[in-house]
Amino acid sequence: MTHMMIDSVRRHSNVLLMTLTGLLAGCAQTSVPASAIDAENRQDRPISTAENARKGSPANLPGWQSDDLKGLSDAIEQQCGMRRPPPPWEALCAEFGRLDPGKLRHWLERRFSVVPLLAKDGSATGLVTGYYEPLVHGSRTRTSSRQVPLYRKPAKALLARKPTRAQIENSGMLAGTELVWLDDPIEAFFLQIQGSGRIMLREGGSMRVGYAADNGLRYRAIGRVLIERGAIPAPEISAQTIRNWLRANPEQALEVMQQNPRYVFFRELRGIATDAGPLGSLGVSLTAGRSVAIDRSRIAPGSILFLDTSDPIRGAPLRRVVIAQDTGGAIVGPIRVDLFWGSGEKAGEAAGQMKQDGRLWLLQAH
């Protein structure tokens, strides 16, 4: 997003399935991320209500005790630092502020009930993808003809025309609105899919960028394009194999990337601590392994959720409490989340491979 990720977003282009599914089907864009996933993965169905879903104690969730809760307090603190936390967080934050750190699990068990999230057809399983914050290189002023720009949000009149990626990149229509120049065109494309990133500047220091707007066109996954052309077998598709193909085929790379008509515009993000995550759509820094992007029409922003899925690298169960702190254009449906993995190459590897089945429970304060 995986796409500031859409509204604030990304995003995610958090546009992802953010990265892998975003590449395959359309984050976080933390990331709207900001794209759409394949029709077979869409779950445009209402969330189950308390009347048709059984409530229970968090202590009874699968893997509840195995979650070490590491980083969860940081994610909650970020949320409680908002000027106006979403309901019911104002009361919850007052309680959390007085809480003994060692009592967090007990507080969750005492203060919340769980509701399984179900699709309209009763299915309890959905899609879990991942996104991350790329670290790329560039400069505030152009130093090489190979560099490509990230653009600022253009005038409303231009946005209303909905120019395609190819039109924007081939016409020079946005000359003079460059925010920053990136050294690698392929990494610039992937950063658009994620919707936010950190740029190591040639001038020294770094800058963080996040989603500002998009051209209003639907995301098309270039992973799907490469499969259809027979360039990469479907079972081998991943963020890394797509990158490898683009680098090995420079004469075709630009044309393939332009098959995705969606284009994301950025803004510089200031005042974020260097050790903090990028901003999600709630306006708070994301916490690796604890923040997720959700479909805000199905799940309220700021909600506490319990995720039951598997690790994309090790295959082991991945069961943990997460918080809905971002949105993404590829994130559609009640049982659909994009897990934020953090910043850099290692996080990108996990995010790029994550396309797992998963279940979700909503933790409701009572």
Protein backbone atom coordinates (compact mmCIF):
# COMPACT_ATOMS: atom_id res chain seq x y z
CA MET A 1 0.00 0.00 0.00
CA THR A 2 0.43 -1.45 0.70
CA HIS A 3 -0.63 2.45 -1.78
CA MET A 4 -0.93 6.38 2.44
CA MET A 5 -1.61 4.62 1.67
CA ILE A 6 -6.07 5.94 -0.52
CA ASP A 7 -7.94 8.56 1.19
CA SER A 8 -4.83 9.68 2.83
CA VAL A 9 -3.43 7.19 0.84
CA ARG A 10 -1.74 5.26 -0.58
CA ARG A 11 -1.23 4.30 -1.40
CA HIS A 12 -0.77 1.49 -0.53
CA SER A 13 -1.21 2.79 -5.20
CA ASN A 14 -0.63 0.56 -0.49
CA VAL A 15 -2.41 0.14 -5.13
CA LEU A 16 -1.07 -3.16 -4.62
CA LEU A 17 -2.31 -6.05 -3.89
CA MET A 18 0.39 -4.31 -2.28
CA THR A 19 3.17 -5.67 -3.33
CA LEU A 20 2.61 -9.09 -4.67
CA THR A 21 -1.11 -9.11 -5.15
CA GLY A 22 -0.91 -5.46 -5.97
CA LEU A 23 1.42 -6.48 -8.72
CA LEU A 24 -0.70 -9.40 -9.73
CA ALA A 25 -4.09 -7.92 -9.36
CA GLY A 26 -3.88 -4.49 -8.18
CA CYS A 27 -0.30 -1.86 -1.29
CA ALA A 28 0.19 0.58 0.53
CA GLN A 29 -1.77 2.12 -2.56
CA THR A 30 0.26 2.38 3.61
CA SER A 31 -0.72 2.15 1.05
CA VAL A 32 -5.08 3.78 -0.67
CA PRO A 33 -1.27 2.16 -1.03
CA ALA A 34 -4.42 1.93 -4.17
CA SER A 35 -5.62 -0.30 -6.68
CA ALA A 36 -8.05 -3.07 -7.25
CA ILE A 37 -7.60 -6.79 -7.00
CA ASP A 38 -8.76 -9.47 -9.40
CA ALA A 39 -12.47 -10.07 -9.46
CA GLU A 40 -12.03 -13.56 -8.09
CA ASN A 41 -10.36 -12.12 -5.00
CA ARG A 42 -12.86 -9.33 -4.41
CA GLN A 43 -15.25 -9.63 -1.48
CA ASP A 44 -17.72 -6.83 -2.07
CA ARG A 45 -20.00 -8.11 0.65
CA PRO A 46 -21.10 -6.57 3.90
CA ILE A 47 -19.40 -7.32 7.15
CA SER A 48 -21.23 -9.67 9.49
CA THR A 49 -23.10 -8.02 12.33
CA ALA A 50 -23.12 -8.81 16.04
CA GLU A 51 -26.53 -10.44 15.52
CA ASN A 52 -25.23 -13.10 13.16
CA ALA A 53 -21.72 -13.59 14.54
CA ARG A 54 -20.87 -15.24 17.84
CA LYS A 55 -19.00 -13.13 20.38
CA GLY A 56 -16.41 -14.59 22.70
CA SER A 57 -13.32 -13.87 24.75
CA PRO A 58 -10.01 -13.02 23.07
CA ALA A 59 -8.43 -15.66 25.30
CA ASN A 60 -10.20 -18.33 23.22
CA LEU A 61 -8.75 -17.20 19.90
CA PRO A 62 -6.37 -19.61 18.11
CA GLY A 63 -2.81 -18.70 19.00
CA TRP A 64 -3.81 -15.94 21.40
CA GLN A 65 -1.27 -16.93 24.03
CA SER A 66 1.52 -17.38 21.48
CA ASP A 67 1.33 -13.73 20.42
CA ASP A 68 4.06 -11.97 22.40
CA LEU A 69 2.28 -8.62 21.77
CA LYS A 70 5.66 -7.03 20.94
CA GLY A 71 5.12 -3.69 19.27
CA LEU A 72 1.41 -3.58 20.04
CA SER A 73 1.83 -0.97 22.77
CA ASP A 74 3.72 1.20 20.27
CA ALA A 75 0.86 0.93 17.77
CA ILE A 76 -1.70 1.81 20.44
CA GLU A 77 0.41 4.75 21.63
CA GLN A 78 0.52 6.08 18.08
CA GLN A 79 -3.25 5.90 17.90
CA CYS A 80 -3.71 7.52 21.29
CA GLY A 81 -1.43 10.35 20.19
CA MET A 82 -3.99 11.49 17.62
CA ARG A 83 -5.66 14.82 18.24
CA ARG A 84 -9.05 13.16 17.87
CA PRO A 85 -8.79 9.38 18.21
CA PRO A 86 -11.64 7.52 16.48
CA PRO A 87 -14.40 6.15 18.74
CA PRO A 88 -14.19 4.48 21.20
CA TRP A 89 -10.50 5.29 21.56
CA GLU A 90 -10.84 8.40 23.68
CA ALA A 91 -12.02 6.31 26.64
CA LEU A 92 -9.74 3.39 25.79
CA CYS A 93 -6.68 5.64 25.59
CA ALA A 94 -7.40 7.03 29.05
CA GLU A 95 -7.41 3.47 30.38
CA PHE A 96 -4.34 2.49 28.38
CA GLY A 97 -2.41 5.45 29.72
CA ARG A 98 -2.85 4.15 33.27
CA LEU A 99 -2.13 0.53 32.36
CA ASP A 100 0.82 -1.41 33.74
CA PRO A 101 2.73 -2.56 30.61
CA GLY A 102 2.71 -6.12 31.86
CA LYS A 103 -1.09 -6.12 32.01
CA LEU A 104 -1.77 -5.47 28.32
CA ARG A 105 -2.97 -9.02 27.57
CA HIS A 106 -5.19 -9.05 30.62
CA TRP A 107 -6.66 -5.65 29.64
CA LEU A 108 -7.50 -6.90 26.16
CA GLU A 109 -9.15 -10.02 27.55
CA ARG A 110 -11.14 -8.05 30.12
CA ARG A 111 -12.08 -5.04 28.01
CA PHE A 112 -12.93 -6.65 24.67
CA SER A 113 -15.12 -9.33 23.13
CA VAL A 114 -14.35 -10.89 19.77
CA VAL A 115 -16.60 -11.12 16.73
CA PRO A 116 -15.53 -13.29 13.79
CA LEU A 117 -15.69 -11.39 10.52
CA LEU A 118 -17.67 -13.27 7.93
CA ALA A 119 -18.48 -12.64 4.30
CA LYS A 120 -22.11 -12.43 3.23
CA ASP A 121 -22.02 -16.06 2.14
CA GLY A 122 -20.75 -17.09 5.56
CA SER A 123 -17.15 -17.66 4.52
CA ALA A 124 -14.61 -16.97 7.25
CA THR A 125 -11.48 -17.01 5.07
CA GLY A 126 -10.10 -14.13 3.02
CA LEU A 127 -6.92 -12.78 1.50
CA VAL A 128 -3.95 -11.37 3.45
CA THR A 129 -1.21 -9.49 1.61
CA GLY A 130 1.72 -7.37 2.77
CA TYR A 131 3.29 -4.00 2.12
CA TYR A 132 6.34 -2.09 3.28
CA GLU A 133 8.20 1.22 3.10
CA PRO A 134 10.78 1.14 0.27
CA LEU A 135 14.20 2.69 0.77
CA VAL A 136 15.37 4.20 -2.53
CA HIS A 137 18.00 6.66 -3.74
CA GLY A 138 17.57 10.00 -5.42
CA SER A 139 18.08 13.75 -5.28
CA ARG A 140 16.03 16.91 -4.94
CA THR A 141 17.48 18.20 -8.23
CA ARG A 142 18.12 16.09 -11.30
CA THR A 143 21.69 14.83 -11.58
CA SER A 144 21.34 12.19 -14.31
CA SER A 145 19.29 11.70 -17.47
CA ARG A 146 18.34 8.25 -16.18
CA GLN A 147 16.57 9.67 -13.14
CA VAL A 148 12.77 9.84 -13.13
CA PRO A 149 10.57 12.16 -11.06
CA LEU A 150 7.95 11.74 -8.43
CA TYR A 151 5.44 14.50 -9.09
CA ARG A 152 3.51 16.69 -6.72
CA LYS A 153 -0.30 16.74 -6.90
CA PRO A 154 -1.20 18.65 -10.08
CA ALA A 155 -3.96 21.18 -10.66
CA LYS A 156 -7.57 20.00 -10.41
CA ALA A 157 -8.13 20.67 -14.11
CA LEU A 158 -5.45 18.18 -15.07
CA LEU A 159 -6.69 15.59 -12.58
CA ALA A 160 -10.17 15.93 -14.03
CA ARG A 161 -8.81 14.81 -17.41
CA LYS A 162 -7.55 11.54 -15.88
CA PRO A 163 -4.37 11.22 -17.97
CA THR A 164 -2.89 7.72 -18.12
CA ARG A 165 0.54 6.76 -16.86
CA ALA A 166 1.82 6.66 -20.42
CA GLN A 167 0.46 10.13 -21.19
CA ILE A 168 2.03 11.58 -18.04
CA GLU A 169 5.41 9.95 -18.60
CA ASN A 170 5.65 10.53 -22.35
CA SER A 171 4.29 14.07 -22.69
CA GLY A 172 6.11 16.15 -20.12
CA MET A 173 2.75 17.65 -19.11
CA LEU A 174 3.85 17.87 -15.47
CA ALA A 175 7.23 19.50 -16.03
CA GLY A 176 7.97 21.90 -13.22
CA THR A 177 6.00 19.97 -10.59
CA GLU A 178 8.74 17.45 -9.75
CA LEU A 179 9.01 16.71 -6.04
CA VAL A 180 12.17 14.59 -6.16
CA TRP A 181 14.20 12.62 -8.72
CA LEU A 182 14.76 8.88 -8.22
CA ASP A 183 17.80 7.02 -9.57
CA ASP A 184 15.97 3.86 -10.57
CA PRO A 185 12.82 3.95 -12.77
CA ILE A 186 11.82 0.45 -11.67
CA GLU A 187 12.05 1.32 -7.99
CA ALA A 188 10.06 4.48 -8.71
CA PHE A 189 7.30 2.29 -10.17
CA PHE A 190 7.31 0.00 -7.15
CA LEU A 191 7.25 2.97 -4.79
CA GLN A 192 4.03 4.06 -6.49
CA ILE A 193 2.56 0.68 -5.68
CA GLN A 194 3.49 1.06 -2.02
CA GLY A 195 2.34 4.69 -1.88
CA SER A 196 5.04 5.87 0.52
CA GLY A 197 8.78 5.56 0.91
CA ARG A 198 12.04 6.93 2.22
CA ILE A 199 14.55 8.46 -0.20
CA MET A 200 18.25 8.57 0.58
CA LEU A 201 19.39 11.85 -0.95
CA ARG A 202 22.61 12.43 -2.87
CA GLU A 203 22.77 15.82 -1.17
CA GLY A 204 22.87 14.07 2.18
CA GLY A 205 20.14 13.05 4.58
CA SER A 206 16.82 11.61 3.53
CA MET A 207 13.24 12.59 2.81
CA ARG A 208 10.01 10.72 3.27
CA VAL A 209 7.22 10.86 0.76
CA GLY A 210 3.61 9.78 0.92
CA TYR A 211 0.50 9.63 -1.20
CA ALA A 212 -1.01 12.96 -2.18
CA ALA A 213 -3.43 12.05 -5.01
CA ASP A 214 -3.81 9.82 -8.04
CA ASN A 215 -5.04 10.16 -11.60
CA GLY A 216 -8.33 8.40 -10.87
CA LEU A 217 -7.71 5.38 -13.07
CA ARG A 218 -8.06 1.77 -12.01
CA TYR A 219 -4.91 -0.16 -11.18
CA ARG A 220 -3.81 -2.89 -13.59
CA ALA A 221 -1.31 -5.37 -12.24
CA ILE A 222 1.73 -5.82 -14.44
CA GLY A 223 2.27 -9.25 -12.94
CA ARG A 224 -0.95 -10.26 -14.67
CA VAL A 225 0.30 -8.67 -17.90
CA LEU A 226 3.53 -10.67 -17.77
CA ILE A 227 1.64 -13.90 -17.12
CA GLU A 228 -0.69 -13.26 -20.07
CA ARG A 229 2.30 -12.61 -22.34
CA GLY A 230 4.01 -15.80 -21.22
CA ALA A 231 6.96 -13.86 -19.82
CA ILE A 232 6.73 -15.37 -16.33
CA PRO A 233 4.81 -18.54 -15.40
CA ALA A 234 1.99 -17.82 -12.96
CA PRO A 235 3.40 -20.04 -10.17
CA GLU A 236 6.66 -18.06 -10.27
CA ILE A 237 5.15 -14.58 -10.04
CA SER A 238 6.41 -12.47 -7.15
CA ALA A 239 7.59 -8.92 -6.62
CA GLN A 240 11.17 -10.08 -7.07
CA THR A 241 10.60 -12.07 -10.27
CA ILE A 242 8.78 -9.08 -11.76
CA ARG A 243 11.69 -6.80 -10.82
CA ASN A 244 14.16 -9.28 -12.30
CA TRP A 245 12.24 -9.48 -15.57
CA LEU A 246 12.03 -5.68 -15.89
CA ARG A 247 15.78 -5.35 -15.34
CA ALA A 248 16.58 -8.14 -17.79
CA ASN A 249 14.34 -6.62 -20.46
CA PRO A 250 15.02 -2.87 -20.38
CA GLU A 251 13.74 -2.36 -23.92
CA GLN A 252 10.29 -3.62 -22.86
CA ALA A 253 10.22 -2.50 -19.23
CA LEU A 254 8.76 0.96 -19.76
CA GLU A 255 5.99 -0.30 -22.05
CA VAL A 256 5.07 -3.03 -19.56
CA MET A 257 5.00 -0.66 -16.60
CA GLN A 258 2.80 1.69 -18.59
CA GLN A 259 0.22 -1.09 -18.92
CA ASN A 260 -0.77 0.03 -15.43
CA PRO A 261 -2.59 3.30 -16.21
CA ARG A 262 -2.87 4.39 -12.58
CA TYR A 263 -0.43 7.09 -11.49
CA VAL A 264 0.26 8.34 -7.97
CA PHE A 265 1.34 11.83 -6.93
CA PHE A 266 3.34 12.45 -3.76
CA ARG A 267 3.99 14.96 -1.04
CA GLU A 268 6.95 15.31 1.27
CA LEU A 269 6.26 14.13 4.81
CA ARG A 270 7.97 16.19 7.47
CA GLY A 271 8.23 15.84 11.22
CA ILE A 272 8.39 12.04 11.29
CA ALA A 273 11.06 10.56 13.54
CA THR A 274 13.70 8.63 11.62
CA ASP A 275 12.92 5.48 13.61
CA ALA A 276 9.15 5.79 13.12
CA GLY A 277 7.14 4.13 10.38
CA PRO A 278 5.45 5.95 7.50
CA LEU A 279 2.10 7.63 8.01
CA GLY A 280 -1.03 5.60 7.35
CA SER A 281 -4.42 6.99 6.40
CA LEU A 282 -5.22 7.65 10.07
CA GLY A 283 -2.31 10.08 10.12
CA VAL A 284 -0.25 8.01 12.57
CA SER A 285 3.07 6.25 12.01
CA LEU A 286 2.62 2.59 11.14
CA THR A 287 4.10 -0.13 13.34
CA ALA A 288 5.77 -3.10 11.66
CA GLY A 289 3.81 -6.29 12.20
CA ARG A 290 0.95 -4.53 13.99
CA SER A 291 -0.55 -2.05 11.52
CA VAL A 292 -2.83 -3.21 8.73
CA ALA A 293 -4.64 -1.59 5.84
CA ILE A 294 -8.34 -2.39 5.62
CA ASP A 295 -11.42 -1.60 3.56
CA ARG A 296 -12.84 1.28 5.59
CA SER A 297 -16.31 0.67 4.18
CA ARG A 298 -16.29 -2.73 5.92
CA ILE A 299 -14.09 -2.17 8.99
CA ALA A 300 -13.92 1.04 10.99
CA PRO A 301 -10.50 2.75 10.95
CA GLY A 302 -8.74 2.32 14.27
CA SER A 303 -10.34 -1.06 14.98
CA ILE A 304 -8.40 -3.73 16.86
CA LEU A 305 -8.37 -7.04 15.00
CA PHE A 306 -6.94 -10.49 15.52
CA LEU A 307 -5.32 -11.99 12.43
CA ASP A 308 -4.85 -15.71 11.85
CA THR A 309 -2.70 -16.43 8.79
CA SER A 310 0.76 -17.83 7.96
CA ASP A 311 4.24 -16.38 7.53
CA PRO A 312 5.05 -16.01 3.79
CA ILE A 313 8.71 -16.95 4.27
CA ARG A 314 8.66 -19.69 6.90
CA GLY A 315 5.13 -20.98 6.43
CA ALA A 316 4.60 -21.03 10.20
CA PRO A 317 1.34 -19.77 11.73
CA LEU A 318 1.23 -15.99 12.06
CA ARG A 319 -1.38 -15.10 14.66
CA ARG A 320 -1.44 -11.67 16.23
CA VAL A 321 -3.35 -8.60 17.32
CA VAL A 322 -3.27 -5.86 14.67
CA ILE A 323 -4.77 -2.38 14.35
CA ALA A 324 -6.54 -0.92 11.31
CA GLN A 325 -4.42 2.18 10.76
CA ASP A 326 -4.35 2.40 6.98
CA THR A 327 -6.43 1.85 3.85
CA GLY A 328 -5.63 0.68 0.36
CA GLY A 329 -7.24 0.65 -3.06
CA ALA A 330 -6.56 -3.07 -3.41
CA ILE A 331 -8.09 -3.79 -0.05
CA VAL A 332 -11.70 -4.69 -0.75
CA GLY A 333 -14.00 -6.72 1.48
CA PRO A 334 -14.50 -7.58 5.14
CA ILE A 335 -11.94 -10.40 5.28
CA ARG A 336 -9.12 -8.58 3.51
CA VAL A 337 -6.09 -6.92 5.09
CA ASP A 338 -2.64 -5.74 4.05
CA LEU A 339 -0.04 -6.27 6.78
CA PHE A 340 2.68 -3.63 7.15
CA TRP A 341 6.07 -5.34 7.42
CA GLY A 342 8.30 -2.32 8.07
CA SER A 343 11.02 -0.60 6.01
CA GLY A 344 13.79 -1.80 3.74
CA GLU A 345 14.82 -4.87 1.80
CA LYS A 346 13.98 -7.58 4.34
CA ALA A 347 10.51 -6.17 4.90
CA GLY A 348 10.07 -5.90 1.16
CA GLU A 349 10.95 -9.58 0.69
CA ALA A 350 8.25 -10.70 3.13
CA ALA A 351 5.68 -8.24 1.82
CA GLY A 352 6.38 -9.21 -1.79
CA GLN A 353 5.72 -12.88 -1.09
CA MET A 354 2.69 -12.50 1.13
CA LYS A 355 -0.51 -13.72 -0.48
CA GLN A 356 -1.98 -15.94 2.20
CA ASP A 357 -5.38 -17.16 3.31
CA GLY A 358 -6.42 -15.69 6.62
CA ARG A 359 -9.19 -15.19 9.15
CA LEU A 360 -10.09 -12.07 11.11
CA TRP A 361 -11.82 -11.29 14.36
CA LEU A 362 -12.93 -7.84 15.48
CA LEU A 363 -12.20 -6.92 19.09
CA GLN A 364 -15.15 -4.89 20.35
CA ALA A 365 -14.89 -2.84 23.54
CA HIS A 366 -17.59 -3.54 26.08
